[in-house]
Amino acid sequence: MAKSLTHLAITYNHYLTDATAECIGVNLGNSLHTLVLANCSRFSAGGLASMISKCPNLQLANLSHCASFPAGSLISLRKSLPKCTFIFDR
């Protein structure tokens, strides 16, 4: 089922909240290799960190044009998954 999903793209979704991000991490985190959340603006840096912490196999995270995240939280994300490429275009 969805537990083996390796690529997830949700774009231009203004309903994706911290709770939704947490749910993605809990249910799909171990299998995800690619995560695209471009132009999703309602989840916070905390919600993002919570989700990413459950995705140890993540190789690419495209977070282009999402909400503004503090620089410190972006640095922490990169350190937590050093093999993951993060895209943060604004």
PDB file of N, CA and C in Angstrom:
ATOM      1  N   MET A   1       0.823  -1.191   0.000  1.00  0.00           N
ATOM      2  CA  MET A   1       0.000   0.000   0.000  1.00  0.00           C
ATOM      3  C   MET A   1       0.867   1.254   0.000  1.00  0.00           C
ATOM      4  N   ALA A   2       0.375   2.342   0.544  1.00  0.00           N
ATOM      5  CA  ALA A   2       1.079   3.623   0.527  1.00  0.00           C
ATOM      6  C   ALA A   2       2.369   3.602   1.333  1.00  0.00           C
ATOM      7  N   LYS A   3       2.534   2.638   2.202  1.00  0.00           N
ATOM      8  CA  LYS A   3       3.746   2.578   3.026  1.00  0.00           C
ATOM      9  C   LYS A   3       5.001   2.410   2.177  1.00  0.00           C
ATOM     10  N   SER A   4       4.871   1.973   0.925  1.00  0.00           N
ATOM     11  CA  SER A   4       6.035   1.798   0.065  1.00  0.00           C
ATOM     12  C   SER A   4       6.192   2.960  -0.923  1.00  0.00           C
ATOM     13  N   LEU A   5       5.464   4.022  -0.758  1.00  0.00           N
ATOM     14  CA  LEU A   5       5.551   5.189  -1.626  1.00  0.00           C
ATOM     15  C   LEU A   5       6.926   5.826  -1.479  1.00  0.00           C
ATOM     16  N   THR A   6       7.642   6.010  -2.583  1.00  0.00           N
ATOM     17  CA  THR A   6       8.990   6.577  -2.505  1.00  0.00           C
ATOM     18  C   THR A   6       9.048   8.034  -2.935  1.00  0.00           C
ATOM     19  N   HIS A   7       8.083   8.485  -3.733  1.00  0.00           N
ATOM     20  CA  HIS A   7       8.058   9.861  -4.220  1.00  0.00           C
ATOM     21  C   HIS A   7       6.685  10.461  -3.931  1.00  0.00           C
ATOM     22  N   LEU A   8       6.705  11.641  -3.316  1.00  0.00           N
ATOM     23  CA  LEU A   8       5.453  12.324  -3.007  1.00  0.00           C
ATOM     24  C   LEU A   8       5.579  13.778  -3.432  1.00  0.00           C
ATOM     25  N   ALA A   9       4.656  14.223  -4.275  1.00  0.00           N
ATOM     26  CA  ALA A   9       4.627  15.619  -4.721  1.00  0.00           C
ATOM     27  C   ALA A   9       3.268  16.218  -4.407  1.00  0.00           C
ATOM     28  N   ILE A  10       3.280  17.228  -3.568  1.00  0.00           N
ATOM     29  CA  ILE A  10       2.069  17.982  -3.238  1.00  0.00           C
ATOM     30  C   ILE A  10       2.428  19.448  -3.473  1.00  0.00           C
ATOM     31  N   THR A  11       1.871  20.033  -4.518  1.00  0.00           N
ATOM     32  CA  THR A  11       2.228  21.412  -4.836  1.00  0.00           C
ATOM     33  C   THR A  11       1.001  22.318  -4.811  1.00  0.00           C
ATOM     34  N   TYR A  12       1.254  23.583  -4.542  1.00  0.00           N
ATOM     35  CA  TYR A  12       0.201  24.608  -4.494  1.00  0.00           C
ATOM     36  C   TYR A  12      -0.950  24.197  -3.586  1.00  0.00           C
ATOM     37  N   ASN A  13      -0.625  23.578  -2.476  1.00  0.00           N
ATOM     38  CA  ASN A  13      -1.663  23.140  -1.551  1.00  0.00           C
ATOM     39  C   ASN A  13      -1.589  24.013  -0.298  1.00  0.00           C
ATOM     40  N   HIS A  14      -2.543  24.878  -0.146  1.00  0.00           N
ATOM     41  CA  HIS A  14      -2.543  25.797   0.997  1.00  0.00           C
ATOM     42  C   HIS A  14      -3.317  25.222   2.184  1.00  0.00           C
ATOM     43  N   TYR A  15      -3.639  23.965   2.101  1.00  0.00           N
ATOM     44  CA  TYR A  15      -4.324  23.280   3.209  1.00  0.00           C
ATOM     45  C   TYR A  15      -3.386  22.339   3.955  1.00  0.00           C
ATOM     46  N   LEU A  16      -2.162  22.178   3.469  1.00  0.00           N
ATOM     47  CA  LEU A  16      -1.192  21.307   4.123  1.00  0.00           C
ATOM     48  C   LEU A  16      -0.688  22.013   5.387  1.00  0.00           C
ATOM     49  N   THR A  17      -1.026  21.474   6.549  1.00  0.00           N
ATOM     50  CA  THR A  17      -0.688  22.102   7.829  1.00  0.00           C
ATOM     51  C   THR A  17       0.379  21.280   8.546  1.00  0.00           C
ATOM     52  N   ASP A  18       0.752  21.728   9.729  1.00  0.00           N
ATOM     53  CA  ASP A  18       1.707  20.978  10.548  1.00  0.00           C
ATOM     54  C   ASP A  18       1.184  19.572  10.849  1.00  0.00           C
ATOM     55  N   ALA A  19      -0.107  19.468  11.117  1.00  0.00           N
ATOM     56  CA  ALA A  19      -0.696  18.152  11.408  1.00  0.00           C
ATOM     57  C   ALA A  19      -0.595  17.228  10.196  1.00  0.00           C
ATOM     58  N   THR A  20      -0.819  17.777   9.007  1.00  0.00           N
ATOM     59  CA  THR A  20      -0.710  16.987   7.784  1.00  0.00           C
ATOM     60  C   THR A  20       0.731  16.563   7.548  1.00  0.00           C
ATOM     61  N   ALA A  21       1.660  17.487   7.762  1.00  0.00           N
ATOM     62  CA  ALA A  21       3.081  17.183   7.597  1.00  0.00           C
ATOM     63  C   ALA A  21       3.497  16.064   8.555  1.00  0.00           C
ATOM     64  N   GLU A  22       3.032  16.136   9.788  1.00  0.00           N
ATOM     65  CA  GLU A  22       3.327  15.095  10.779  1.00  0.00           C
ATOM     66  C   GLU A  22       2.770  13.751  10.312  1.00  0.00           C
ATOM     67  N   CYS A  23       1.583  13.749   9.784  1.00  0.00           N
ATOM     68  CA  CYS A  23       0.948  12.527   9.290  1.00  0.00           C
ATOM     69  C   CYS A  23       1.747  11.919   8.133  1.00  0.00           C
ATOM     70  N   ILE A  24       2.236  12.757   7.242  1.00  0.00           N
ATOM     71  CA  ILE A  24       3.069  12.270   6.143  1.00  0.00           C
ATOM     72  C   ILE A  24       4.319  11.602   6.696  1.00  0.00           C
ATOM     73  N   GLY A  25       4.973  12.249   7.640  1.00  0.00           N
ATOM     74  CA  GLY A  25       6.183  11.685   8.235  1.00  0.00           C
ATOM     75  C   GLY A  25       5.933  10.359   8.926  1.00  0.00           C
ATOM     76  N   VAL A  26       4.882  10.293   9.705  1.00  0.00           N
ATOM     77  CA  VAL A  26       4.569   9.066  10.458  1.00  0.00           C
ATOM     78  C   VAL A  26       4.221   7.910   9.522  1.00  0.00           C
ATOM     79  N   ASN A  27       3.437   8.191   8.500  1.00  0.00           N
ATOM     80  CA  ASN A  27       2.923   7.115   7.655  1.00  0.00           C
ATOM     81  C   ASN A  27       3.794   6.767   6.452  1.00  0.00           C
ATOM     82  N   LEU A  28       4.589   7.716   5.983  1.00  0.00           N
ATOM     83  CA  LEU A  28       5.369   7.469   4.770  1.00  0.00           C
ATOM     84  C   LEU A  28       6.865   7.682   4.953  1.00  0.00           C
ATOM     85  N   GLY A  29       7.256   8.182   6.091  1.00  0.00           N
ATOM     86  CA  GLY A  29       8.632   8.618   6.310  1.00  0.00           C
ATOM     87  C   GLY A  29       9.719   7.623   5.967  1.00  0.00           C
ATOM     88  N   ASN A  30       9.568   6.376   6.361  1.00  0.00           N
ATOM     89  CA  ASN A  30      10.631   5.406   6.125  1.00  0.00           C
ATOM     90  C   ASN A  30      10.841   5.071   4.660  1.00  0.00           C
ATOM     91  N   SER A  31       9.813   5.235   3.842  1.00  0.00           N
ATOM     92  CA  SER A  31       9.933   4.860   2.434  1.00  0.00           C
ATOM     93  C   SER A  31      10.247   6.036   1.504  1.00  0.00           C
ATOM     94  N   LEU A  32       9.986   7.265   1.945  1.00  0.00           N
ATOM     95  CA  LEU A  32      10.145   8.418   1.052  1.00  0.00           C
ATOM     96  C   LEU A  32      11.600   8.692   0.688  1.00  0.00           C
ATOM     97  N   HIS A  33      11.832   8.874  -0.623  1.00  0.00           N
ATOM     98  CA  HIS A  33      13.146   9.271  -1.129  1.00  0.00           C
ATOM     99  C   HIS A  33      13.079  10.690  -1.682  1.00  0.00           C
ATOM    100  N   THR A  34      11.912  11.054  -2.220  1.00  0.00           N
ATOM    101  CA  THR A  34      11.728  12.375  -2.811  1.00  0.00           C
ATOM    102  C   THR A  34      10.443  12.991  -2.266  1.00  0.00           C
ATOM    103  N   LEU A  35      10.564  14.230  -1.825  1.00  0.00           N
ATOM    104  CA  LEU A  35       9.416  14.951  -1.283  1.00  0.00           C
ATOM    105  C   LEU A  35       9.360  16.334  -1.925  1.00  0.00           C
ATOM    106  N   VAL A  36       8.263  16.635  -2.585  1.00  0.00           N
ATOM    107  CA  VAL A  36       8.083  17.941  -3.217  1.00  0.00           C
ATOM    108  C   VAL A  36       6.863  18.601  -2.574  1.00  0.00           C
ATOM    109  N   LEU A  37       7.112  19.707  -1.889  1.00  0.00           N
ATOM    110  CA  LEU A  37       6.036  20.468  -1.255  1.00  0.00           C
ATOM    111  C   LEU A  37       6.078  21.915  -1.732  1.00  0.00           C
ATOM    112  N   ALA A  38       6.393  22.110  -2.999  1.00  0.00           N
ATOM    113  CA  ALA A  38       6.533  23.454  -3.559  1.00  0.00           C
ATOM    114  C   ALA A  38       5.227  24.238  -3.459  1.00  0.00           C
ATOM    115  N   ASN A  39       5.366  25.489  -3.090  1.00  0.00           N
ATOM    116  CA  ASN A  39       4.238  26.420  -2.990  1.00  0.00           C
ATOM    117  C   ASN A  39       3.177  26.009  -1.976  1.00  0.00           C
ATOM    118  N   CYS A  40       3.573  25.308  -0.959  1.00  0.00           N
ATOM    119  CA  CYS A  40       2.681  24.991   0.165  1.00  0.00           C
ATOM    120  C   CYS A  40       3.074  25.929   1.301  1.00  0.00           C
ATOM    121  N   SER A  41       2.160  26.737   1.772  1.00  0.00           N
ATOM    122  CA  SER A  41       2.554  27.845   2.644  1.00  0.00           C
ATOM    123  C   SER A  41       2.052  27.790   4.079  1.00  0.00           C
ATOM    124  N   ARG A  42       1.275  26.791   4.459  1.00  0.00           N
ATOM    125  CA  ARG A  42       0.663  26.845   5.795  1.00  0.00           C
ATOM    126  C   ARG A  42       1.387  26.060   6.874  1.00  0.00           C
ATOM    127  N   PHE A  43       2.363  25.229   6.539  1.00  0.00           N
ATOM    128  CA  PHE A  43       3.047  24.501   7.593  1.00  0.00           C
ATOM    129  C   PHE A  43       4.265  25.295   8.060  1.00  0.00           C
ATOM    130  N   SER A  44       4.633  25.097   9.301  1.00  0.00           N
ATOM    131  CA  SER A  44       5.705  25.874   9.926  1.00  0.00           C
ATOM    132  C   SER A  44       7.030  25.134   9.874  1.00  0.00           C
ATOM    133  N   ALA A  45       8.076  25.807  10.312  1.00  0.00           N
ATOM    134  CA  ALA A  45       9.396  25.180  10.396  1.00  0.00           C
ATOM    135  C   ALA A  45       9.350  23.993  11.360  1.00  0.00           C
ATOM    136  N   GLY A  46       8.578  24.110  12.436  1.00  0.00           N
ATOM    137  CA  GLY A  46       8.445  23.008  13.390  1.00  0.00           C
ATOM    138  C   GLY A  46       7.753  21.810  12.771  1.00  0.00           C
ATOM    139  N   GLY A  47       6.703  22.047  12.000  1.00  0.00           N
ATOM    140  CA  GLY A  47       6.003  20.962  11.317  1.00  0.00           C
ATOM    141  C   GLY A  47       6.896  20.295  10.295  1.00  0.00           C
ATOM    142  N   LEU A  48       7.667  21.106   9.586  1.00  0.00           N
ATOM    143  CA  LEU A  48       8.605  20.565   8.607  1.00  0.00           C
ATOM    144  C   LEU A  48       9.672  19.715   9.285  1.00  0.00           C
ATOM    145  N   ALA A  49      10.238  20.213  10.358  1.00  0.00           N
ATOM    146  CA  ALA A  49      11.279  19.470  11.083  1.00  0.00           C
ATOM    147  C   ALA A  49      10.735  18.153  11.627  1.00  0.00           C
ATOM    148  N   SER A  50       9.524  18.184  12.140  1.00  0.00           N
ATOM    149  CA  SER A  50       8.906  16.970  12.662  1.00  0.00           C
ATOM    150  C   SER A  50       8.732  15.932  11.561  1.00  0.00           C
ATOM    151  N   MET A  51       8.278  16.377  10.408  1.00  0.00           N
ATOM    152  CA  MET A  51       8.080  15.455   9.286  1.00  0.00           C
ATOM    153  C   MET A  51       9.422  14.920   8.789  1.00  0.00           C
ATOM    154  N   ILE A  52      10.376  15.795   8.551  1.00  0.00           N
ATOM    155  CA  ILE A  52      11.676  15.402   8.001  1.00  0.00           C
ATOM    156  C   ILE A  52      12.410  14.446   8.938  1.00  0.00           C
ATOM    157  N   SER A  53      12.234  14.623  10.237  1.00  0.00           N
ATOM    158  CA  SER A  53      12.929  13.752  11.198  1.00  0.00           C
ATOM    159  C   SER A  53      12.475  12.294  11.090  1.00  0.00           C
ATOM    160  N   LYS A  54      11.335  12.082  10.460  1.00  0.00           N
ATOM    161  CA  LYS A  54      10.796  10.724  10.292  1.00  0.00           C
ATOM    162  C   LYS A  54      11.087  10.169   8.895  1.00  0.00           C
ATOM    163  N   CYS A  55      11.940  10.853   8.144  1.00  0.00           N
ATOM    164  CA  CYS A  55      12.244  10.466   6.760  1.00  0.00           C
ATOM    165  C   CYS A  55      13.744  10.213   6.593  1.00  0.00           C
ATOM    166  N   PRO A  56      14.274   9.152   7.199  1.00  0.00           N
ATOM    167  CA  PRO A  56      15.722   8.928   7.189  1.00  0.00           C
ATOM    168  C   PRO A  56      16.300   8.616   5.805  1.00  0.00           C
ATOM    169  N   ASN A  57      15.480   8.204   4.852  1.00  0.00           N
ATOM    170  CA  ASN A  57      15.965   7.836   3.524  1.00  0.00           C
ATOM    171  C   ASN A  57      15.755   8.931   2.485  1.00  0.00           C
ATOM    172  N   LEU A  58      15.345  10.101   2.933  1.00  0.00           N
ATOM    173  CA  LEU A  58      15.055  11.198   2.018  1.00  0.00           C
ATOM    174  C   LEU A  58      16.324  11.638   1.299  1.00  0.00           C
ATOM    175  N   GLN A  59      16.235  11.749  -0.023  1.00  0.00           N
ATOM    176  CA  GLN A  59      17.369  12.169  -0.847  1.00  0.00           C
ATOM    177  C   GLN A  59      17.160  13.545  -1.462  1.00  0.00           C
ATOM    178  N   LEU A  60      15.890  13.931  -1.646  1.00  0.00           N
ATOM    179  CA  LEU A  60      15.583  15.233  -2.221  1.00  0.00           C
ATOM    180  C   LEU A  60      14.324  15.787  -1.570  1.00  0.00           C
ATOM    181  N   ALA A  61      14.413  17.026  -1.117  1.00  0.00           N
ATOM    182  CA  ALA A  61      13.248  17.723  -0.560  1.00  0.00           C
ATOM    183  C   ALA A  61      13.143  19.080  -1.237  1.00  0.00           C
ATOM    184  N   ASN A  62      12.137  19.242  -2.066  1.00  0.00           N
ATOM    185  CA  ASN A  62      11.912  20.508  -2.756  1.00  0.00           C
ATOM    186  C   ASN A  62      10.857  21.288  -1.980  1.00  0.00           C
ATOM    187  N   LEU A  63      11.291  22.352  -1.353  1.00  0.00           N
ATOM    188  CA  LEU A  63      10.416  23.190  -0.541  1.00  0.00           C
ATOM    189  C   LEU A  63      10.352  24.601  -1.121  1.00  0.00           C
ATOM    190  N   SER A  64      10.458  24.687  -2.442  1.00  0.00           N
ATOM    191  CA  SER A  64      10.449  25.982  -3.126  1.00  0.00           C
ATOM    192  C   SER A  64       9.166  26.748  -2.851  1.00  0.00           C
ATOM    193  N   HIS A  65       9.351  28.016  -2.588  1.00  0.00           N
ATOM    194  CA  HIS A  65       8.233  28.955  -2.427  1.00  0.00           C
ATOM    195  C   HIS A  65       7.258  28.541  -1.320  1.00  0.00           C
ATOM    196  N   CYS A  66       7.789  27.903  -0.303  1.00  0.00           N
ATOM    197  CA  CYS A  66       6.980  27.598   0.883  1.00  0.00           C
ATOM    198  C   CYS A  66       7.058  28.789   1.825  1.00  0.00           C
ATOM    199  N   ALA A  67       6.487  28.666   2.969  1.00  0.00           N
ATOM    200  CA  ALA A  67       6.552  29.731   3.969  1.00  0.00           C
ATOM    201  C   ALA A  67       8.011  30.038   4.286  1.00  0.00           C
ATOM    202  N   SER A  68       8.255  31.222   4.744  1.00  0.00           N
ATOM    203  CA  SER A  68       9.623  31.586   5.131  1.00  0.00           C
ATOM    204  C   SER A  68      10.007  30.862   6.408  1.00  0.00           C
ATOM    205  N   PHE A  69      11.075  30.107   6.324  1.00  0.00           N
ATOM    206  CA  PHE A  69      11.575  29.391   7.492  1.00  0.00           C
ATOM    207  C   PHE A  69      12.817  30.110   8.003  1.00  0.00           C
ATOM    208  N   PRO A  70      12.985  30.199   9.323  1.00  0.00           N
ATOM    209  CA  PRO A  70      14.187  30.837   9.867  1.00  0.00           C
ATOM    210  C   PRO A  70      15.448  30.104   9.394  1.00  0.00           C
ATOM    211  N   ALA A  71      16.504  30.865   9.149  1.00  0.00           N
ATOM    212  CA  ALA A  71      17.753  30.282   8.648  1.00  0.00           C
ATOM    213  C   ALA A  71      18.264  29.167   9.561  1.00  0.00           C
ATOM    214  N   GLY A  72      18.113  29.336  10.870  1.00  0.00           N
ATOM    215  CA  GLY A  72      18.578  28.322  11.818  1.00  0.00           C
ATOM    216  C   GLY A  72      17.881  26.989  11.639  1.00  0.00           C
ATOM    217  N   SER A  73      16.602  27.024  11.326  1.00  0.00           N
ATOM    218  CA  SER A  73      15.871  25.767  11.148  1.00  0.00           C
ATOM    219  C   SER A  73      16.292  25.075   9.855  1.00  0.00           C
ATOM    220  N   LEU A  74      16.617  25.848   8.821  1.00  0.00           N
ATOM    221  CA  LEU A  74      17.078  25.252   7.565  1.00  0.00           C
ATOM    222  C   LEU A  74      18.447  24.605   7.737  1.00  0.00           C
ATOM    223  N   ILE A  75      19.304  25.240   8.502  1.00  0.00           N
ATOM    224  CA  ILE A  75      20.628  24.668   8.782  1.00  0.00           C
ATOM    225  C   ILE A  75      20.476  23.376   9.564  1.00  0.00           C
ATOM    226  N   SER A  76      19.590  23.359  10.539  1.00  0.00           N
ATOM    227  CA  SER A  76      19.346  22.148  11.326  1.00  0.00           C
ATOM    228  C   SER A  76      18.830  21.009  10.455  1.00  0.00           C
ATOM    229  N   LEU A  77      17.945  21.321   9.517  1.00  0.00           N
ATOM    230  CA  LEU A  77      17.426  20.295   8.611  1.00  0.00           C
ATOM    231  C   LEU A  77      18.544  19.680   7.792  1.00  0.00           C
ATOM    232  N   ARG A  78      19.395  20.527   7.251  1.00  0.00           N
ATOM    233  CA  ARG A  78      20.508  20.033   6.436  1.00  0.00           C
ATOM    234  C   ARG A  78      21.444  19.151   7.254  1.00  0.00           C
ATOM    235  N   LYS A  79      21.681  19.524   8.488  1.00  0.00           N
ATOM    236  CA  LYS A  79      22.553  18.724   9.346  1.00  0.00           C
ATOM    237  C   LYS A  79      21.916  17.391   9.711  1.00  0.00           C
ATOM    238  N   SER A  80      20.598  17.370   9.863  1.00  0.00           N
ATOM    239  CA  SER A  80      19.924  16.137  10.271  1.00  0.00           C
ATOM    240  C   SER A  80      19.885  15.102   9.145  1.00  0.00           C
ATOM    241  N   LEU A  81      19.933  15.554   7.900  1.00  0.00           N
ATOM    242  CA  LEU A  81      19.939  14.643   6.737  1.00  0.00           C
ATOM    243  C   LEU A  81      21.025  15.087   5.760  1.00  0.00           C
ATOM    244  N   PRO A  82      22.280  14.796   6.071  1.00  0.00           N
ATOM    245  CA  PRO A  82      23.378  15.305   5.247  1.00  0.00           C
ATOM    246  C   PRO A  82      23.394  14.771   3.811  1.00  0.00           C
ATOM    247  N   LYS A  83      22.746  13.635   3.557  1.00  0.00           N
ATOM    248  CA  LYS A  83      22.733  13.067   2.204  1.00  0.00           C
ATOM    249  C   LYS A  83      21.558  13.574   1.376  1.00  0.00           C
ATOM    250  N   CYS A  84      20.741  14.414   1.956  1.00  0.00           N
ATOM    251  CA  CYS A  84      19.546  14.931   1.286  1.00  0.00           C
ATOM    252  C   CYS A  84      19.848  16.292   0.659  1.00  0.00           C
ATOM    253  N   THR A  85      19.381  16.485  -0.557  1.00  0.00           N
ATOM    254  CA  THR A  85      19.472  17.776  -1.214  1.00  0.00           C
ATOM    255  C   THR A  85      18.182  18.540  -0.925  1.00  0.00           C
ATOM    256  N   PHE A  86      18.330  19.719  -0.357  1.00  0.00           N
ATOM    257  CA  PHE A  86      17.185  20.572  -0.054  1.00  0.00           C
ATOM    258  C   PHE A  86      17.129  21.718  -1.039  1.00  0.00           C
ATOM    259  N   ILE A  87      15.953  22.019  -1.553  1.00  0.00           N
ATOM    260  CA  ILE A  87      15.742  23.151  -2.446  1.00  0.00           C
ATOM    261  C   ILE A  87      14.805  24.116  -1.734  1.00  0.00           C
ATOM    262  N   PHE A  88      15.283  25.358  -1.525  1.00  0.00           N
ATOM    263  CA  PHE A  88      14.518  26.350  -0.774  1.00  0.00           C
ATOM    264  C   PHE A  88      14.334  27.653  -1.549  1.00  0.00           C
ATOM    265  N   ASP A  89      14.168  27.632  -2.838  1.00  0.00           N
ATOM    266  CA  ASP A  89      14.003  28.865  -3.603  1.00  0.00           C
ATOM    267  C   ASP A  89      12.803  29.649  -3.084  1.00  0.00           C
ATOM    268  N   ARG A  90      12.935  30.964  -3.118  1.00  0.00           N
ATOM    269  CA  ARG A  90      11.821  31.819  -2.667  1.00  0.00           C
ATOM    270  C   ARG A  90      11.350  32.701  -3.768  1.00  0.00           C
TER     271      ARG A  90
END
